[in-house]
């Protein structure tokens, strides 16, 4: 099943022959046969339009999206601040306990 299948000798290509015939005798016509010297027409300037057209619906979506982003970012920042505060408090408590243990070893 996993052994390679070798084609019979009559259909296998020989090293001297190519599978793709050479491209000979092909002549392409020129890209443009016109020889006019008329200048190209000047481009027409588009009408002045505002870059962004805001409708009441799009304003509502933009306001809702901005509010959601502020709430999500605020939640992440407050949770990071809370995690830092809890870590600092626990390190401070550990420092006080270690200090009390190391300063008075004979009073126990």
Protein backbone atom coordinates (compact mmCIF):
# COMPACT_ATOMS: atom_id res chain seq x y z
CA UNK A 1 0.00 0.00 0.00
CA UNK A 2 2.83 2.40 0.83
CA UNK A 3 5.18 1.21 -1.88
CA UNK A 4 5.65 3.56 -4.85
CA UNK A 5 3.89 2.63 -8.05
CA UNK A 6 6.33 2.81 -10.94
CA UNK A 7 4.70 3.27 -14.35
CA UNK A 8 5.44 0.74 -17.04
CA UNK A 9 8.51 1.54 -19.17
CA UNK A 10 6.49 2.52 -22.25
CA UNK A 11 4.73 5.47 -20.50
CA UNK A 12 7.58 6.70 -18.31
CA UNK A 13 9.37 9.81 -19.67
CA UNK A 14 13.01 9.44 -20.55
CA UNK A 15 15.56 11.88 -19.13
CA UNK A 16 16.27 13.31 -22.60
CA UNK A 17 12.64 14.25 -23.31
CA UNK A 18 10.61 16.96 -21.63
CA UNK A 19 6.99 16.74 -20.54
CA UNK A 20 6.36 20.29 -21.77
CA UNK A 21 6.84 21.01 -25.47
CA UNK A 22 8.96 24.09 -26.22
CA UNK A 23 7.15 27.28 -27.24
CA UNK A 24 8.42 28.15 -30.68
CA UNK A 25 6.92 30.24 -33.45
CA UNK A 26 4.65 32.26 -31.17
CA UNK A 27 4.48 35.96 -32.08
CA UNK A 28 2.43 38.31 -29.94
CA UNK A 29 0.73 41.33 -31.52
CA UNK A 30 1.70 44.75 -30.12
CA UNK A 31 -0.29 45.96 -27.14
CA UNK A 32 -1.53 49.08 -28.92
CA UNK A 33 -1.92 49.60 -32.66
CA UNK A 34 -3.14 53.17 -32.42
CA UNK A 35 -0.65 55.97 -33.04
CA UNK A 36 -2.65 58.98 -31.95
CA UNK A 37 -0.99 62.01 -30.41
CA UNK A 38 -4.10 63.50 -28.77
CA UNK A 39 -3.59 64.29 -25.09
CA UNK A 40 -5.50 62.34 -22.53
CA UNK A 41 -8.57 64.08 -21.13
CA UNK A 42 -8.05 65.92 -17.85
CA UNK A 43 -9.44 64.10 -14.83
CA UNK A 44 -12.60 65.55 -13.40
CA UNK A 45 -12.37 66.56 -9.74
CA UNK A 46 -14.95 64.80 -7.56
CA UNK A 47 -17.56 66.83 -5.78
CA UNK A 48 -16.64 68.03 -2.31
CA UNK A 49 -18.19 65.67 0.23
CA UNK A 50 -17.58 65.28 3.92
CA UNK A 51 -15.18 62.46 4.72
CA UNK A 52 -17.60 60.72 7.10
CA UNK A 53 -21.37 60.95 6.95
CA UNK A 54 -22.86 60.44 10.39
CA UNK A 55 -26.46 59.43 10.77
CA UNK A 56 -28.32 59.26 14.07
CA UNK A 57 -28.04 55.47 14.02
CA UNK A 58 -24.28 55.52 13.46
CA UNK A 59 -23.85 58.12 16.21
CA UNK A 60 -25.76 55.85 18.58
CA UNK A 61 -23.61 52.87 17.64
CA UNK A 62 -20.42 54.91 18.07
CA UNK A 63 -21.54 56.15 21.50
CA UNK A 64 -22.50 52.65 22.63
CA UNK A 65 -19.20 51.22 21.38
CA UNK A 66 -17.21 53.94 23.13
CA UNK A 67 -19.09 53.38 26.38
CA UNK A 68 -18.50 49.64 26.18
CA UNK A 69 -14.78 50.14 25.55
CA UNK A 70 -14.47 52.54 28.51
CA UNK A 71 -16.28 50.09 30.80
CA UNK A 72 -14.20 47.11 29.69
CA UNK A 73 -10.88 48.94 29.95
CA UNK A 74 -11.88 50.44 33.30
CA UNK A 75 -12.81 47.02 34.66
CA UNK A 76 -9.48 45.54 33.58
CA UNK A 77 -7.49 48.41 35.09
CA UNK A 78 -9.40 48.33 38.40
CA UNK A 79 -8.93 44.57 38.69
CA UNK A 80 -5.19 44.94 38.06
CA UNK A 81 -5.01 47.67 40.72
CA UNK A 82 -6.94 45.50 43.17
CA UNK A 83 -4.64 42.54 42.55
CA UNK A 84 -1.62 44.76 43.18
CA UNK A 85 -3.13 46.10 46.41
CA UNK A 86 -3.96 42.61 47.73
CA UNK A 87 -0.45 41.40 46.89
CA UNK A 88 1.12 44.38 48.63
CA UNK A 89 -1.01 43.87 51.74
CA UNK A 90 -0.13 40.18 51.96
CA UNK A 91 3.59 40.92 51.54
CA UNK A 92 3.35 43.55 54.28
CA UNK A 93 1.66 41.11 56.65
CA UNK A 94 4.30 38.47 55.93
CA UNK A 95 7.04 41.03 56.61
CA UNK A 96 5.52 41.97 59.99
CA UNK A 97 5.16 38.34 61.01
CA UNK A 98 8.73 37.49 59.98
CA UNK A 99 10.07 40.55 61.78
CA UNK A 100 8.30 39.62 64.99
CA UNK A 101 9.59 36.05 64.74
CA UNK A 102 13.19 37.05 64.09
CA UNK A 103 13.45 39.91 66.63
CA UNK A 104 12.34 38.00 69.73
CA UNK A 105 13.37 34.39 69.51
CA UNK A 106 13.96 34.11 73.31
CA UNK A 107 10.61 35.59 74.44
CA UNK A 108 8.55 32.61 73.32
